[in-house]
C-alpha cells in the first residue's frame, strides 16, 4: 500500500465509530413515534432514549472530559413528548460531528484529557475504578466505540421486538 492510499489512525477509529453511530440511527427509521418511544424491556429503554443518551455521552467524553468545556446533558434516556425523532437524531448528528472535529483537530491521539475520568483498572465487572485520572484521546475514542456498540446492540434487540426487523 502506498502512503497516499493509507489511512490514518484517526480515519480508522472514526470509520468504525461512525458505522456504529449510523447503525443506531437506522434502527429507529420507518417506525411510528409510539414505536420509537415504547419501552421494549422492563428497564424502560427505548430507541429514542438510546439516541438521546448517546448524544449526551458524545458531549461528555469529547467536549467535557477531553476539552474541559462545561458538562451538558445528563445522559438520561427520557425524551420529552414534545421532542420529535428528527430533533433527537439531529442533536445526535451534531454531537457526533463535533466529536469528529475534536478528534481530527488533535494531531496526536496520545493527547491527554483536561478532566479526570474514573475508569476501571480491569475488565472485571467488580473492578474498583480507583482514583479519577487523565486519559488519552485514543482511550476516549475507544470508549465511545465500546459505548456505541453496546447501545447499537440494545437498539437491534429493541427493533426486533417491535417489528421483527433484523437486517438494518
N, C-alpha and C. Protein backbone atom coordinates (compact mmCIF):
# COMPACT_ATOMS: atom_id res chain seq x y z
N UNK A 1 0.85 -1.17 0.00
CA UNK A 1 0.00 0.00 0.00
C UNK A 1 0.89 1.23 0.00
N UNK A 2 0.57 2.18 -0.82
CA UNK A 2 1.38 3.40 -0.87
C UNK A 2 0.90 4.37 0.20
N UNK A 3 1.77 5.31 0.53
CA UNK A 3 1.43 6.28 1.57
C UNK A 3 0.21 7.11 1.21
N UNK A 4 0.01 7.37 -0.09
CA UNK A 4 -1.13 8.22 -0.47
C UNK A 4 -2.47 7.49 -0.37
N UNK A 5 -2.47 6.17 -0.21
CA UNK A 5 -3.73 5.44 -0.05
C UNK A 5 -3.91 4.91 1.37
N UNK A 6 -2.91 5.08 2.20
CA UNK A 6 -3.01 4.60 3.58
C UNK A 6 -3.94 5.51 4.39
N UNK A 7 -4.63 4.91 5.33
CA UNK A 7 -5.47 5.71 6.22
C UNK A 7 -4.71 6.00 7.49
N UNK A 8 -5.15 7.02 8.18
CA UNK A 8 -4.54 7.36 9.46
C UNK A 8 -5.27 6.64 10.59
N UNK A 9 -4.67 6.62 11.74
CA UNK A 9 -5.34 6.04 12.91
C UNK A 9 -6.64 6.80 13.20
N UNK A 10 -6.60 8.12 13.02
CA UNK A 10 -7.82 8.92 13.19
C UNK A 10 -8.92 8.41 12.27
N UNK A 11 -8.57 8.23 10.97
CA UNK A 11 -9.54 7.75 9.98
C UNK A 11 -10.11 6.39 10.38
N UNK A 12 -9.23 5.49 10.78
CA UNK A 12 -9.65 4.13 11.12
C UNK A 12 -10.61 4.12 12.30
N UNK A 13 -10.26 4.81 13.36
CA UNK A 13 -11.11 4.83 14.55
C UNK A 13 -12.46 5.49 14.27
N UNK A 14 -12.43 6.61 13.54
CA UNK A 14 -13.69 7.30 13.24
C UNK A 14 -14.54 6.51 12.26
N UNK A 15 -13.92 5.75 11.37
CA UNK A 15 -14.69 4.90 10.45
C UNK A 15 -15.55 3.92 11.24
N UNK A 16 -14.93 3.22 12.19
CA UNK A 16 -15.68 2.22 12.96
C UNK A 16 -16.71 2.89 13.88
N UNK A 17 -16.36 4.00 14.49
CA UNK A 17 -17.31 4.71 15.34
C UNK A 17 -18.51 5.20 14.52
N UNK A 18 -18.25 5.74 13.34
CA UNK A 18 -19.35 6.25 12.52
C UNK A 18 -20.25 5.15 11.99
N UNK A 19 -19.69 3.99 11.70
CA UNK A 19 -20.54 2.85 11.30
C UNK A 19 -21.52 2.50 12.40
N UNK A 20 -21.05 2.50 13.63
CA UNK A 20 -21.92 2.18 14.76
C UNK A 20 -22.96 3.28 15.00
N UNK A 21 -22.53 4.53 14.90
CA UNK A 21 -23.46 5.65 15.06
C UNK A 21 -24.60 5.54 14.05
N UNK A 22 -24.25 5.28 12.79
CA UNK A 22 -25.27 5.15 11.74
C UNK A 22 -26.20 3.98 12.02
N UNK A 23 -25.66 2.89 12.52
CA UNK A 23 -26.49 1.71 12.83
C UNK A 23 -27.52 2.04 13.90
N UNK A 24 -27.13 2.79 14.90
CA UNK A 24 -28.07 3.16 15.96
C UNK A 24 -29.21 3.98 15.39
N UNK A 25 -28.89 4.96 14.55
CA UNK A 25 -29.93 5.81 13.96
C UNK A 25 -30.85 4.99 13.06
N UNK A 26 -30.28 4.09 12.27
CA UNK A 26 -31.10 3.27 11.35
C UNK A 26 -32.15 2.44 12.07
N UNK A 27 -31.87 2.03 13.28
CA UNK A 27 -32.84 1.18 13.99
C UNK A 27 -34.15 1.90 14.26
N UNK A 28 -34.14 3.22 14.26
CA UNK A 28 -35.38 3.96 14.55
C UNK A 28 -36.09 4.42 13.28
N UNK A 29 -35.54 4.12 12.12
CA UNK A 29 -36.16 4.57 10.86
C UNK A 29 -37.37 3.71 10.52
N UNK A 30 -38.40 4.37 9.97
CA UNK A 30 -39.57 3.66 9.48
C UNK A 30 -40.54 3.21 10.55
N UNK A 31 -40.39 3.71 11.75
CA UNK A 31 -41.29 3.34 12.85
C UNK A 31 -42.17 4.53 13.22
N UNK A 32 -43.29 4.24 13.82
CA UNK A 32 -44.14 5.32 14.32
C UNK A 32 -43.48 5.96 15.54
N UNK A 33 -43.96 7.14 15.89
CA UNK A 33 -43.45 7.81 17.08
C UNK A 33 -43.64 6.93 18.31
N UNK A 34 -44.80 6.32 18.41
CA UNK A 34 -45.08 5.45 19.55
C UNK A 34 -44.14 4.27 19.63
N UNK A 35 -43.83 3.68 18.48
CA UNK A 35 -42.92 2.53 18.46
C UNK A 35 -41.51 2.94 18.88
N UNK A 36 -41.09 4.13 18.48
CA UNK A 36 -39.75 4.60 18.82
C UNK A 36 -39.61 4.93 20.30
N UNK A 37 -40.72 5.28 20.92
CA UNK A 37 -40.71 5.67 22.34
C UNK A 37 -41.12 4.53 23.28
N UNK A 38 -41.64 3.47 22.71
CA UNK A 38 -42.16 2.38 23.53
C UNK A 38 -41.04 1.67 24.28
N UNK A 39 -41.19 1.51 25.59
CA UNK A 39 -40.18 0.75 26.33
C UNK A 39 -40.26 -0.72 25.92
N UNK A 40 -39.16 -1.23 25.42
CA UNK A 40 -39.15 -2.60 24.94
C UNK A 40 -38.76 -3.62 25.98
N UNK A 41 -38.26 -3.15 27.09
CA UNK A 41 -37.78 -4.02 28.17
C UNK A 41 -38.21 -3.41 29.51
N UNK A 42 -38.20 -4.20 30.58
CA UNK A 42 -38.67 -3.69 31.88
C UNK A 42 -37.95 -2.42 32.36
N UNK A 43 -36.71 -2.21 31.95
CA UNK A 43 -35.99 -1.01 32.40
C UNK A 43 -36.54 0.27 31.78
N UNK A 44 -37.38 0.14 30.75
CA UNK A 44 -37.94 1.32 30.09
C UNK A 44 -37.14 1.80 28.90
N UNK A 45 -36.06 1.13 28.57
CA UNK A 45 -35.22 1.54 27.45
C UNK A 45 -36.01 1.53 26.15
N UNK A 46 -35.83 2.60 25.36
CA UNK A 46 -36.49 2.71 24.06
C UNK A 46 -35.51 3.28 23.05
N UNK A 47 -35.87 3.21 21.77
CA UNK A 47 -34.94 3.61 20.71
C UNK A 47 -34.55 5.08 20.78
N UNK A 48 -35.52 5.97 20.94
CA UNK A 48 -35.18 7.40 21.01
C UNK A 48 -34.36 7.71 22.25
N UNK A 49 -34.66 7.03 23.34
CA UNK A 49 -33.89 7.24 24.56
C UNK A 49 -32.44 6.84 24.41
N UNK A 50 -32.19 5.76 23.68
CA UNK A 50 -30.80 5.34 23.43
C UNK A 50 -30.05 6.41 22.64
N UNK A 51 -30.71 6.98 21.63
CA UNK A 51 -30.06 8.02 20.82
C UNK A 51 -29.79 9.25 21.68
N UNK A 52 -30.75 9.63 22.51
CA UNK A 52 -30.56 10.79 23.39
C UNK A 52 -29.39 10.54 24.35
N UNK A 53 -29.33 9.35 24.92
CA UNK A 53 -28.25 9.00 25.84
C UNK A 53 -26.89 9.09 25.13
N UNK A 54 -26.81 8.53 23.93
CA UNK A 54 -25.54 8.57 23.19
C UNK A 54 -25.14 10.00 22.84
N UNK A 55 -26.11 10.87 22.60
CA UNK A 55 -25.82 12.29 22.35
C UNK A 55 -25.10 12.87 23.56
N UNK A 56 -25.64 12.63 24.73
CA UNK A 56 -25.03 13.15 25.96
C UNK A 56 -23.64 12.56 26.19
N UNK A 57 -23.45 11.29 25.85
CA UNK A 57 -22.14 10.66 26.04
C UNK A 57 -21.11 11.24 25.08
N UNK A 58 -21.50 11.51 23.84
CA UNK A 58 -20.58 12.17 22.89
C UNK A 58 -20.12 13.50 23.47
N UNK A 59 -21.08 14.29 23.94
CA UNK A 59 -20.75 15.60 24.50
C UNK A 59 -19.89 15.45 25.76
N UNK A 60 -20.23 14.53 26.61
CA UNK A 60 -19.50 14.35 27.87
C UNK A 60 -18.05 13.95 27.62
N UNK A 61 -17.84 12.93 26.80
CA UNK A 61 -16.49 12.39 26.63
C UNK A 61 -15.59 13.29 25.80
N UNK A 62 -16.10 13.85 24.72
CA UNK A 62 -15.22 14.65 23.86
C UNK A 62 -15.14 16.11 24.29
N UNK A 63 -16.28 16.73 24.56
CA UNK A 63 -16.26 18.16 24.87
C UNK A 63 -15.93 18.42 26.34
N UNK A 64 -16.59 17.70 27.24
CA UNK A 64 -16.36 17.98 28.66
C UNK A 64 -15.06 17.36 29.16
N UNK A 65 -14.94 16.04 29.03
CA UNK A 65 -13.76 15.37 29.61
C UNK A 65 -12.47 15.66 28.84
N UNK A 66 -12.52 15.64 27.50
CA UNK A 66 -11.29 15.87 26.76
C UNK A 66 -10.96 17.35 26.67
N UNK A 67 -11.92 18.18 26.23
CA UNK A 67 -11.64 19.60 26.04
C UNK A 67 -11.76 20.43 27.31
N UNK A 68 -12.48 19.91 28.31
CA UNK A 68 -12.64 20.65 29.54
C UNK A 68 -13.77 21.67 29.52
N UNK A 69 -14.65 21.60 28.51
CA UNK A 69 -15.80 22.51 28.44
C UNK A 69 -16.84 22.11 29.49
N UNK A 70 -17.73 23.04 29.85
CA UNK A 70 -18.77 22.70 30.83
C UNK A 70 -19.60 21.50 30.37
N UNK A 71 -20.02 20.70 31.33
CA UNK A 71 -20.81 19.50 31.02
C UNK A 71 -22.18 19.89 30.51
N UNK A 72 -22.72 19.06 29.60
CA UNK A 72 -24.03 19.32 29.03
C UNK A 72 -25.09 18.43 29.62
N UNK A 73 -25.70 17.59 28.76
CA UNK A 73 -26.82 16.73 29.15
C UNK A 73 -26.50 15.77 30.27
N UNK A 74 -27.57 15.22 30.83
CA UNK A 74 -27.43 14.35 31.99
C UNK A 74 -27.29 12.87 31.64
N UNK A 75 -27.40 12.52 30.37
CA UNK A 75 -27.26 11.13 29.96
C UNK A 75 -28.54 10.34 30.08
N UNK A 76 -29.61 11.01 30.46
CA UNK A 76 -30.90 10.34 30.63
C UNK A 76 -31.40 9.78 29.30
N UNK A 77 -32.17 8.72 29.39
CA UNK A 77 -32.78 8.14 28.20
C UNK A 77 -34.22 8.62 28.02
N UNK A 78 -34.65 9.55 28.84
CA UNK A 78 -36.01 10.07 28.74
C UNK A 78 -36.07 11.19 27.70
N UNK A 79 -36.97 11.03 26.73
CA UNK A 79 -37.17 12.04 25.69
C UNK A 79 -38.55 12.66 25.90
N UNK A 80 -38.61 13.97 26.15
CA UNK A 80 -39.91 14.61 26.33
C UNK A 80 -40.82 14.39 25.12
N UNK A 81 -42.11 14.26 25.36
CA UNK A 81 -43.08 14.01 24.29
C UNK A 81 -43.02 15.08 23.19
N UNK A 82 -42.72 16.33 23.57
CA UNK A 82 -42.70 17.42 22.59
C UNK A 82 -41.49 17.35 21.66
N UNK A 83 -40.51 16.55 21.98
CA UNK A 83 -39.30 16.43 21.16
C UNK A 83 -39.50 15.31 20.15
N UNK A 84 -39.29 15.64 18.86
CA UNK A 84 -39.52 14.68 17.79
C UNK A 84 -38.28 13.82 17.53
N UNK A 85 -38.50 12.73 16.81
CA UNK A 85 -37.39 11.87 16.40
C UNK A 85 -36.38 12.69 15.60
N UNK A 86 -36.87 13.52 14.67
CA UNK A 86 -35.95 14.32 13.85
C UNK A 86 -35.07 15.21 14.72
N UNK A 87 -35.64 15.77 15.77
CA UNK A 87 -34.85 16.62 16.67
C UNK A 87 -33.82 15.81 17.44
N UNK A 88 -34.22 14.64 17.90
CA UNK A 88 -33.30 13.77 18.64
C UNK A 88 -32.14 13.35 17.74
N UNK A 89 -32.46 12.92 16.52
CA UNK A 89 -31.42 12.47 15.59
C UNK A 89 -30.53 13.64 15.17
N UNK A 90 -31.12 14.82 14.92
CA UNK A 90 -30.32 15.99 14.54
C UNK A 90 -29.34 16.37 15.65
N UNK A 91 -29.79 16.33 16.89
CA UNK A 91 -28.90 16.64 18.01
C UNK A 91 -27.77 15.62 18.10
N UNK A 92 -28.09 14.36 17.86
CA UNK A 92 -27.07 13.31 17.88
C UNK A 92 -26.06 13.53 16.76
N UNK A 93 -26.55 13.81 15.56
CA UNK A 93 -25.65 14.05 14.42
C UNK A 93 -24.73 15.24 14.71
N UNK A 94 -25.28 16.31 15.28
CA UNK A 94 -24.45 17.48 15.60
C UNK A 94 -23.38 17.12 16.63
N UNK A 95 -23.76 16.38 17.65
CA UNK A 95 -22.79 15.97 18.67
C UNK A 95 -21.70 15.10 18.07
N UNK A 96 -22.08 14.19 17.17
CA UNK A 96 -21.10 13.31 16.52
C UNK A 96 -20.16 14.11 15.63
N UNK A 97 -20.71 15.06 14.88
CA UNK A 97 -19.86 15.90 14.02
C UNK A 97 -18.87 16.70 14.85
N UNK A 98 -19.33 17.23 15.98
CA UNK A 98 -18.44 17.97 16.86
C UNK A 98 -17.36 17.05 17.44
N UNK A 99 -17.74 15.86 17.83
CA UNK A 99 -16.76 14.90 18.34
C UNK A 99 -15.72 14.57 17.28
N UNK A 100 -16.17 14.36 16.04
CA UNK A 100 -15.24 14.08 14.95
C UNK A 100 -14.28 15.25 14.73
N UNK A 101 -14.79 16.48 14.85
CA UNK A 101 -13.92 17.66 14.70
C UNK A 101 -12.86 17.68 15.79
N UNK A 102 -13.26 17.33 17.00
CA UNK A 102 -12.30 17.29 18.12
C UNK A 102 -11.19 16.29 17.80
N UNK A 103 -11.56 15.11 17.34
CA UNK A 103 -10.57 14.07 17.04
C UNK A 103 -9.67 14.51 15.90
N UNK A 104 -10.24 15.03 14.83
CA UNK A 104 -9.44 15.41 13.66
C UNK A 104 -8.53 16.61 13.95
N UNK A 105 -8.97 17.48 14.86
CA UNK A 105 -8.17 18.67 15.18
C UNK A 105 -6.97 18.35 16.06
N UNK A 106 -6.95 17.17 16.63
CA UNK A 106 -5.87 16.79 17.54
C UNK A 106 -4.89 15.89 16.79
N UNK A 107 -3.70 16.39 16.49
CA UNK A 107 -2.77 15.60 15.69
C UNK A 107 -2.25 14.35 16.39
N UNK A 108 -2.29 14.33 17.71
CA UNK A 108 -1.73 13.20 18.46
C UNK A 108 -2.81 12.59 19.35
N UNK A 109 -3.20 11.36 19.04
CA UNK A 109 -4.24 10.70 19.82
C UNK A 109 -3.77 10.35 21.24
N UNK A 110 -2.50 10.56 21.52
CA UNK A 110 -1.99 10.36 22.87
C UNK A 110 -2.19 11.59 23.75
N UNK A 111 -2.78 12.65 23.18
CA UNK A 111 -3.06 13.86 23.95
C UNK A 111 -3.96 13.50 25.13
N UNK A 112 -3.73 14.16 26.26
CA UNK A 112 -4.44 13.83 27.49
C UNK A 112 -5.68 14.70 27.70
N UNK A 113 -6.67 14.10 28.36
CA UNK A 113 -7.91 14.81 28.67
C UNK A 113 -7.65 15.93 29.67
N UNK A 114 -8.47 16.96 29.60
CA UNK A 114 -8.35 18.06 30.55
C UNK A 114 -8.99 17.71 31.89
N UNK A 115 -10.00 16.86 31.83
CA UNK A 115 -10.71 16.45 33.04
C UNK A 115 -10.29 15.02 33.40
N UNK A 116 -10.41 14.70 34.65
CA UNK A 116 -10.08 13.35 35.11
C UNK A 116 -11.29 12.43 34.93
N UNK A 117 -11.00 11.18 34.60
CA UNK A 117 -12.02 10.19 34.29
C UNK A 117 -11.85 9.01 35.24
N UNK A 118 -12.95 8.47 35.70
CA UNK A 118 -12.90 7.28 36.55
C UNK A 118 -13.19 6.07 35.68
N UNK A 119 -12.16 5.30 35.38
CA UNK A 119 -12.29 4.08 34.58
C UNK A 119 -11.76 2.90 35.37
N UNK A 120 -12.40 1.73 35.26
CA UNK A 120 -11.89 0.55 35.97
C UNK A 120 -10.50 0.16 35.47
N UNK A 121 -9.72 -0.39 36.36
CA UNK A 121 -8.37 -0.81 36.01
C UNK A 121 -8.35 -2.16 35.31
N UNK A 122 -9.47 -2.88 35.34
CA UNK A 122 -9.53 -4.17 34.65
C UNK A 122 -10.92 -4.34 34.05
N UNK A 123 -11.09 -5.42 33.31
CA UNK A 123 -12.38 -5.67 32.68
C UNK A 123 -13.36 -6.38 33.60
N UNK A 124 -12.94 -6.70 34.80
CA UNK A 124 -13.83 -7.35 35.76
C UNK A 124 -14.99 -6.42 36.11
N UNK A 125 -16.19 -6.97 36.12
CA UNK A 125 -17.37 -6.17 36.45
C UNK A 125 -17.23 -5.53 37.83
N UNK A 126 -16.54 -6.19 38.72
CA UNK A 126 -16.40 -5.69 40.09
C UNK A 126 -15.13 -4.87 40.30
N UNK A 127 -14.44 -4.56 39.22
CA UNK A 127 -13.18 -3.83 39.35
C UNK A 127 -13.41 -2.46 39.97
N UNK A 128 -12.55 -2.11 40.88
CA UNK A 128 -12.60 -0.79 41.50
C UNK A 128 -12.06 0.22 40.50
N UNK A 129 -12.85 1.24 40.17
CA UNK A 129 -12.36 2.21 39.20
C UNK A 129 -11.20 3.05 39.73
N UNK A 130 -10.98 3.00 41.02
CA UNK A 130 -9.85 3.74 41.56
C UNK A 130 -10.04 5.24 41.46
N UNK A 131 -8.95 5.93 41.54
CA UNK A 131 -8.98 7.39 41.50
C UNK A 131 -9.18 7.87 40.07
N UNK A 132 -9.89 8.99 39.91
CA UNK A 132 -10.01 9.56 38.56
C UNK A 132 -8.63 9.91 38.02
N UNK A 133 -8.46 9.74 36.74
CA UNK A 133 -7.17 10.03 36.11
C UNK A 133 -7.39 10.59 34.71
N UNK A 134 -6.39 11.26 34.21
CA UNK A 134 -6.48 11.74 32.83
C UNK A 134 -6.30 10.54 31.91
N UNK A 135 -6.92 10.61 30.74
CA UNK A 135 -6.81 9.53 29.75
C UNK A 135 -6.49 10.14 28.40
N UNK A 136 -6.04 9.32 27.48
CA UNK A 136 -5.71 9.82 26.15
C UNK A 136 -6.97 9.97 25.30
N UNK A 137 -6.86 10.78 24.27
CA UNK A 137 -7.95 10.90 23.31
C UNK A 137 -8.20 9.54 22.66
N UNK A 138 -7.17 8.78 22.43
CA UNK A 138 -7.31 7.43 21.87
C UNK A 138 -8.22 6.58 22.76
N UNK A 139 -8.01 6.64 24.07
CA UNK A 139 -8.84 5.89 25.01
C UNK A 139 -10.28 6.38 24.99
N UNK A 140 -10.47 7.67 24.82
CA UNK A 140 -11.83 8.22 24.74
C UNK A 140 -12.53 7.71 23.50
N UNK A 141 -11.85 7.72 22.35
CA UNK A 141 -12.47 7.21 21.12
C UNK A 141 -12.77 5.72 21.28
N UNK A 142 -11.84 4.98 21.84
CA UNK A 142 -12.07 3.54 22.05
C UNK A 142 -13.27 3.32 22.97
N UNK A 143 -13.37 4.13 24.01
CA UNK A 143 -14.52 4.01 24.91
C UNK A 143 -15.82 4.31 24.17
N UNK A 144 -15.83 5.34 23.32
CA UNK A 144 -17.06 5.67 22.60
C UNK A 144 -17.41 4.59 21.58
N UNK A 145 -16.43 3.93 21.01
CA UNK A 145 -16.73 2.77 20.15
C UNK A 145 -17.42 1.70 20.99
N UNK A 146 -16.87 1.42 22.16
CA UNK A 146 -17.46 0.43 23.06
C UNK A 146 -18.87 0.83 23.48
N UNK A 147 -19.04 2.06 23.92
CA UNK A 147 -20.34 2.56 24.38
C UNK A 147 -21.38 2.50 23.26
N UNK A 148 -21.00 2.95 22.07
CA UNK A 148 -21.94 2.97 20.95
C UNK A 148 -22.27 1.56 20.50
N UNK A 149 -21.28 0.68 20.47
CA UNK A 149 -21.54 -0.72 20.08
C UNK A 149 -22.50 -1.38 21.05
N UNK A 150 -22.31 -1.14 22.32
CA UNK A 150 -23.20 -1.73 23.32
C UNK A 150 -24.64 -1.29 23.09
N UNK A 151 -24.83 0.02 22.88
CA UNK A 151 -26.18 0.53 22.69
C UNK A 151 -26.73 0.21 21.30
N UNK A 152 -25.87 0.03 20.32
CA UNK A 152 -26.34 -0.42 19.00
C UNK A 152 -26.93 -1.82 19.12
N UNK A 153 -26.31 -2.66 19.93
CA UNK A 153 -26.86 -3.99 20.17
C UNK A 153 -28.20 -3.92 20.88
N UNK A 154 -28.30 -3.03 21.87
CA UNK A 154 -29.59 -2.84 22.54
C UNK A 154 -30.64 -2.40 21.53
N UNK A 155 -30.27 -1.45 20.67
CA UNK A 155 -31.22 -0.93 19.67
C UNK A 155 -31.66 -2.03 18.70
N UNK A 156 -30.73 -2.88 18.29
CA UNK A 156 -31.08 -4.00 17.41
C UNK A 156 -32.13 -4.90 18.05
N UNK A 157 -31.94 -5.21 19.31
CA UNK A 157 -32.89 -6.08 20.02
C UNK A 157 -34.24 -5.39 20.16
N UNK A 158 -34.23 -4.11 20.52
CA UNK A 158 -35.50 -3.38 20.65
C UNK A 158 -36.25 -3.36 19.32
N UNK A 159 -35.53 -3.11 18.23
CA UNK A 159 -36.18 -3.07 16.92
C UNK A 159 -36.76 -4.44 16.57
N UNK A 160 -36.03 -5.50 16.84
CA UNK A 160 -36.55 -6.83 16.55
C UNK A 160 -37.81 -7.12 17.37
N UNK A 161 -37.84 -6.66 18.60
CA UNK A 161 -39.02 -6.85 19.44
C UNK A 161 -40.22 -6.06 18.91
N UNK A 162 -39.96 -4.91 18.27
CA UNK A 162 -41.04 -4.08 17.75
C UNK A 162 -41.68 -4.68 16.51
N UNK A 163 -40.85 -5.01 15.51
CA UNK A 163 -41.43 -5.44 14.23
C UNK A 163 -40.73 -6.63 13.58
N UNK A 164 -39.82 -7.25 14.30
CA UNK A 164 -39.14 -8.42 13.75
C UNK A 164 -37.99 -8.10 12.81
N UNK A 165 -37.76 -6.82 12.53
CA UNK A 165 -36.70 -6.42 11.60
C UNK A 165 -35.34 -6.72 12.21
N UNK A 166 -34.50 -7.39 11.43
CA UNK A 166 -33.17 -7.75 11.94
C UNK A 166 -32.04 -7.38 10.99
N UNK A 167 -32.35 -6.86 9.83
CA UNK A 167 -31.31 -6.61 8.83
C UNK A 167 -31.20 -5.13 8.51
N UNK A 168 -30.88 -4.35 9.53
CA UNK A 168 -30.75 -2.92 9.34
C UNK A 168 -29.29 -2.58 9.22
